[in-house]
Amino acid sequence: MRLWRIGNALFPVWSAEGARLKGGRWNLPGTPAIYAATSFASAALETLVHANIGRVPRNARYVTIDIPDDAPVTRLGAEDVADWNAIPAGPSRVAGDTWIRGRSGLVLLVPSAVTLGLDDNAVINPLHADFARVAVSEEAPVRWDERLIVRG
């Protein structure tokens, strides 16, 4: 399985530290997690919505992530977690956190709130025994399509 992650060049893209410090839609503060997407396009949309700046972020970088074919993957659908797309995140944080701490899988596929559940995001569990088997590319700069840039 190939996944994509986009991050700010000020910090390592391949890190669970931000999610550990602040929590996310599928983890509580204090629990490490790495968020990724099942396509580069979904990763870009997630980056744009979370940047919340009305333009493409400067200095964004990305990595590709290759999950071993035999690694355990779990899927939580919209029907599995009530209010999974609540803003701010609610029950999904507890569901994902329980999954991470249980260490039953390396990847948790979850619906993307940005795409109304039509695409999947991935939560990668750095506490899982197979985490060391994940292959991550070198960071590369994101080249945004100029049409995404707000002119004014």
C-alpha atoms as a PDB file:
ATOM      1  CA  MET A   1       0.000   0.000   0.000  1.00  0.00           C
ATOM      2  CA  ARG A   2       1.364   3.405  -0.945  1.00  0.00           C
ATOM      3  CA  LEU A   3       0.452   6.495   1.088  1.00  0.00           C
ATOM      4  CA  TRP A   4       1.391  10.183   0.895  1.00  0.00           C
ATOM      5  CA  ARG A   5       2.110  12.734   3.591  1.00  0.00           C
ATOM      6  CA  ILE A   6       2.673  16.470   3.179  1.00  0.00           C
ATOM      7  CA  GLY A   7       4.243  18.612   5.864  1.00  0.00           C
ATOM      8  CA  ASN A   8       5.943  21.889   6.547  1.00  0.00           C
ATOM      9  CA  ALA A   9       9.642  22.082   5.721  1.00  0.00           C
ATOM     10  CA  LEU A  10      10.352  23.481   9.206  1.00  0.00           C
ATOM     11  CA  PHE A  11       9.771  20.040  10.740  1.00  0.00           C
ATOM     12  CA  PRO A  12      10.474  16.488   9.560  1.00  0.00           C
ATOM     13  CA  VAL A  13       7.556  15.304   7.429  1.00  0.00           C
ATOM     14  CA  TRP A  14       7.927  11.739   8.729  1.00  0.00           C
ATOM     15  CA  SER A  15       7.170  12.370  12.384  1.00  0.00           C
ATOM     16  CA  ALA A  16       4.456  11.528  14.906  1.00  0.00           C
ATOM     17  CA  GLU A  17       5.392  14.434  17.165  1.00  0.00           C
ATOM     18  CA  GLY A  18       2.770  16.964  16.053  1.00  0.00           C
ATOM     19  CA  ALA A  19      -0.091  14.496  16.488  1.00  0.00           C
ATOM     20  CA  ARG A  20       1.375  13.374  19.819  1.00  0.00           C
ATOM     21  CA  LEU A  21       1.532  16.947  21.093  1.00  0.00           C
ATOM     22  CA  LYS A  22      -1.806  18.250  19.809  1.00  0.00           C
ATOM     23  CA  GLY A  23      -3.861  15.187  18.993  1.00  0.00           C
ATOM     24  CA  GLY A  24      -5.827  14.879  15.778  1.00  0.00           C
ATOM     25  CA  ARG A  25      -9.127  13.619  14.439  1.00  0.00           C
ATOM     26  CA  TRP A  26      -8.157  10.035  15.324  1.00  0.00           C
ATOM     27  CA  ASN A  27      -5.851  10.406  18.342  1.00  0.00           C
ATOM     28  CA  LEU A  28      -5.777  12.167  21.692  1.00  0.00           C
ATOM     29  CA  PRO A  29      -2.884  14.386  22.807  1.00  0.00           C
ATOM     30  CA  GLY A  30      -0.130  12.204  24.226  1.00  0.00           C
ATOM     31  CA  THR A  31      -0.613   9.372  21.728  1.00  0.00           C
ATOM     32  CA  PRO A  32       1.736   9.371  18.719  1.00  0.00           C
ATOM     33  CA  ALA A  33       0.246   8.955  15.249  1.00  0.00           C
ATOM     34  CA  ILE A  34       1.276   9.743  11.695  1.00  0.00           C
ATOM     35  CA  TYR A  35      -1.479  10.941   9.378  1.00  0.00           C
ATOM     36  CA  ALA A  36      -1.281  10.238   5.658  1.00  0.00           C
ATOM     37  CA  ALA A  37      -3.605   9.927   2.684  1.00  0.00           C
ATOM     38  CA  THR A  38      -4.280   7.233   0.115  1.00  0.00           C
ATOM     39  CA  SER A  39      -3.578   9.651  -2.744  1.00  0.00           C
ATOM     40  CA  PHE A  40      -1.415  12.699  -3.283  1.00  0.00           C
ATOM     41  CA  ALA A  41      -4.564  14.697  -4.145  1.00  0.00           C
ATOM     42  CA  SER A  42      -6.169  13.850  -0.807  1.00  0.00           C
ATOM     43  CA  ALA A  43      -2.945  14.720   1.017  1.00  0.00           C
ATOM     44  CA  ALA A  44      -2.943  18.095  -0.770  1.00  0.00           C
ATOM     45  CA  LEU A  45      -6.570  18.802   0.179  1.00  0.00           C
ATOM     46  CA  GLU A  46      -5.904  17.873   3.803  1.00  0.00           C
ATOM     47  CA  THR A  47      -2.871  20.172   3.823  1.00  0.00           C
ATOM     48  CA  LEU A  48      -4.819  23.085   2.363  1.00  0.00           C
ATOM     49  CA  VAL A  49      -7.755  22.781   4.756  1.00  0.00           C
ATOM     50  CA  HIS A  50      -5.548  22.431   7.841  1.00  0.00           C
ATOM     51  CA  ALA A  51      -3.251  25.289   6.834  1.00  0.00           C
ATOM     52  CA  ASN A  52      -6.311  27.554   7.049  1.00  0.00           C
ATOM     53  CA  ILE A  53      -4.486  30.420   5.334  1.00  0.00           C
ATOM     54  CA  GLY A  54      -6.464  30.843   2.109  1.00  0.00           C
ATOM     55  CA  ARG A  55      -3.475  30.062  -0.075  1.00  0.00           C
ATOM     56  CA  VAL A  56      -1.036  27.247  -0.628  1.00  0.00           C
ATOM     57  CA  PRO A  57       1.541  26.924   2.136  1.00  0.00           C
ATOM     58  CA  ARG A  58       5.087  27.808   1.241  1.00  0.00           C
ATOM     59  CA  ASN A  59       7.864  25.314   1.775  1.00  0.00           C
ATOM     60  CA  ALA A  60       5.595  22.263   1.887  1.00  0.00           C
ATOM     61  CA  ARG A  61       7.346  18.944   1.436  1.00  0.00           C
ATOM     62  CA  TYR A  62       6.063  15.422   0.908  1.00  0.00           C
ATOM     63  CA  VAL A  63       7.076  11.809   1.349  1.00  0.00           C
ATOM     64  CA  THR A  64       5.718   8.614  -0.092  1.00  0.00           C
ATOM     65  CA  ILE A  65       5.153   5.807   2.361  1.00  0.00           C
ATOM     66  CA  ASP A  66       5.202   2.138   1.397  1.00  0.00           C
ATOM     67  CA  ILE A  67       3.427  -0.186   3.793  1.00  0.00           C
ATOM     68  CA  PRO A  68       4.399  -3.885   3.522  1.00  0.00           C
ATOM     69  CA  ASP A  69       1.704  -5.972   1.814  1.00  0.00           C
ATOM     70  CA  ASP A  70       1.449  -8.315   4.791  1.00  0.00           C
ATOM     71  CA  ALA A  71       1.143  -5.554   7.428  1.00  0.00           C
ATOM     72  CA  PRO A  72      -2.131  -5.541   9.387  1.00  0.00           C
ATOM     73  CA  VAL A  73      -4.560  -2.870   8.173  1.00  0.00           C
ATOM     74  CA  THR A  74      -7.826  -1.965   9.899  1.00  0.00           C
ATOM     75  CA  ARG A  75     -10.659   0.053   8.388  1.00  0.00           C
ATOM     76  CA  LEU A  76     -13.105   2.199  10.329  1.00  0.00           C
ATOM     77  CA  GLY A  77     -15.938   3.477   8.180  1.00  0.00           C
ATOM     78  CA  ALA A  78     -18.350   6.326   8.792  1.00  0.00           C
ATOM     79  CA  GLU A  79     -20.852   3.760  10.064  1.00  0.00           C
ATOM     80  CA  ASP A  80     -18.401   2.538  12.725  1.00  0.00           C
ATOM     81  CA  VAL A  81     -17.860   5.788  14.651  1.00  0.00           C
ATOM     82  CA  ALA A  82     -20.624   8.234  15.539  1.00  0.00           C
ATOM     83  CA  ASP A  83     -19.850  11.855  14.635  1.00  0.00           C
ATOM     84  CA  TRP A  84     -16.544  10.825  13.008  1.00  0.00           C
ATOM     85  CA  ASN A  85     -16.542  14.106  11.054  1.00  0.00           C
ATOM     86  CA  ALA A  86     -17.456  16.458  13.922  1.00  0.00           C
ATOM     87  CA  ILE A  87     -15.610  19.767  14.118  1.00  0.00           C
ATOM     88  CA  PRO A  88     -13.855  19.836  16.479  1.00  0.00           C
ATOM     89  CA  ALA A  89     -13.149  16.116  16.492  1.00  0.00           C
ATOM     90  CA  GLY A  90     -14.989  14.133  19.113  1.00  0.00           C
ATOM     91  CA  PRO A  91     -15.702  10.378  19.353  1.00  0.00           C
ATOM     92  CA  SER A  92     -13.272   9.581  16.535  1.00  0.00           C
ATOM     93  CA  ARG A  93     -10.383  10.660  18.762  1.00  0.00           C
ATOM     94  CA  VAL A  94     -11.250   8.026  21.339  1.00  0.00           C
ATOM     95  CA  ALA A  95     -11.860   5.297  18.722  1.00  0.00           C
ATOM     96  CA  GLY A  96      -8.532   5.947  16.989  1.00  0.00           C
ATOM     97  CA  ASP A  97      -6.627   6.349  20.234  1.00  0.00           C
ATOM     98  CA  THR A  98      -7.952   3.012  21.487  1.00  0.00           C
ATOM     99  CA  TRP A  99      -6.861   1.385  18.210  1.00  0.00           C
ATOM    100  CA  ILE A 100      -3.361   2.924  18.387  1.00  0.00           C
ATOM    101  CA  ARG A 101      -2.770   1.919  21.994  1.00  0.00           C
ATOM    102  CA  GLY A 102      -4.070  -1.593  21.290  1.00  0.00           C
ATOM    103  CA  ARG A 103      -1.289  -2.042  18.694  1.00  0.00           C
ATOM    104  CA  SER A 104      -3.436  -4.445  16.664  1.00  0.00           C
ATOM    105  CA  GLY A 105      -2.631  -2.877  13.317  1.00  0.00           C
ATOM    106  CA  LEU A 106      -0.033  -0.777  11.555  1.00  0.00           C
ATOM    107  CA  VAL A 107      -2.483   1.267   9.467  1.00  0.00           C
ATOM    108  CA  LEU A 108      -5.973   2.472  10.280  1.00  0.00           C
ATOM    109  CA  LEU A 109      -7.918   3.536   7.195  1.00  0.00           C
ATOM    110  CA  VAL A 110     -10.517   6.173   8.079  1.00  0.00           C
ATOM    111  CA  PRO A 111     -12.902   8.366   6.080  1.00  0.00           C
ATOM    112  CA  SER A 112     -11.614  11.817   5.116  1.00  0.00           C
ATOM    113  CA  ALA A 113     -13.746  14.592   6.603  1.00  0.00           C
ATOM    114  CA  VAL A 114     -12.430  16.939   3.896  1.00  0.00           C
ATOM    115  CA  THR A 115     -13.888  14.764   1.121  1.00  0.00           C
ATOM    116  CA  LEU A 116     -17.055  13.947   3.101  1.00  0.00           C
ATOM    117  CA  GLY A 117     -15.926  10.346   3.530  1.00  0.00           C
ATOM    118  CA  LEU A 118     -15.508   9.643  -0.180  1.00  0.00           C
ATOM    119  CA  ASP A 119     -11.754   9.103   0.221  1.00  0.00           C
ATOM    120  CA  ASP A 120      -9.655   7.492   2.933  1.00  0.00           C
ATOM    121  CA  ASN A 121      -6.981   8.876   5.156  1.00  0.00           C
ATOM    122  CA  ALA A 122      -4.538   6.625   6.949  1.00  0.00           C
ATOM    123  CA  VAL A 123      -3.372   6.733  10.541  1.00  0.00           C
ATOM    124  CA  ILE A 124      -0.024   5.002  10.862  1.00  0.00           C
ATOM    125  CA  ASN A 125       0.714   3.503  14.261  1.00  0.00           C
ATOM    126  CA  PRO A 126       4.330   4.146  15.336  1.00  0.00           C
ATOM    127  CA  LEU A 127       3.752   1.906  18.380  1.00  0.00           C
ATOM    128  CA  HIS A 128       3.110  -1.188  16.219  1.00  0.00           C
ATOM    129  CA  ALA A 129       5.821  -3.834  15.856  1.00  0.00           C
ATOM    130  CA  ASP A 130       5.774  -3.544  12.030  1.00  0.00           C
ATOM    131  CA  PHE A 131       6.465   0.202  12.066  1.00  0.00           C
ATOM    132  CA  ALA A 132      10.190  -0.416  11.448  1.00  0.00           C
ATOM    133  CA  ARG A 133       9.284  -2.164   8.161  1.00  0.00           C
ATOM    134  CA  VAL A 134       7.663   0.941   6.668  1.00  0.00           C
ATOM    135  CA  ALA A 135       9.672   2.398   3.759  1.00  0.00           C
ATOM    136  CA  VAL A 136       9.642   6.187   3.503  1.00  0.00           C
ATOM    137  CA  SER A 137      11.047   8.239   0.630  1.00  0.00           C
ATOM    138  CA  GLU A 138      13.282  11.232   0.977  1.00  0.00           C
ATOM    139  CA  GLU A 139      11.399  14.501   1.431  1.00  0.00           C
ATOM    140  CA  ALA A 140      10.669  16.375  -1.787  1.00  0.00           C
ATOM    141  CA  PRO A 141       9.190  19.843  -2.322  1.00  0.00           C
ATOM    142  CA  VAL A 142       5.520  20.108  -3.198  1.00  0.00           C
ATOM    143  CA  ARG A 143       5.025  21.910  -6.504  1.00  0.00           C
ATOM    144  CA  TRP A 144       1.575  23.476  -6.233  1.00  0.00           C
ATOM    145  CA  ASP A 145      -0.430  24.173  -9.361  1.00  0.00           C
ATOM    146  CA  GLU A 146      -0.368  27.934  -9.823  1.00  0.00           C
ATOM    147  CA  ARG A 147      -4.152  27.986 -10.157  1.00  0.00           C
ATOM    148  CA  LEU A 148      -4.385  27.175  -6.445  1.00  0.00           C
ATOM    149  CA  ILE A 149      -2.568  30.357  -5.518  1.00  0.00           C
ATOM    150  CA  VAL A 150      -4.784  33.245  -4.485  1.00  0.00           C
ATOM    151  CA  ARG A 151      -3.817  36.283  -6.493  1.00  0.00           C
ATOM    152  CA  GLY A 152      -4.543  39.738  -5.305  1.00  0.00           C
END
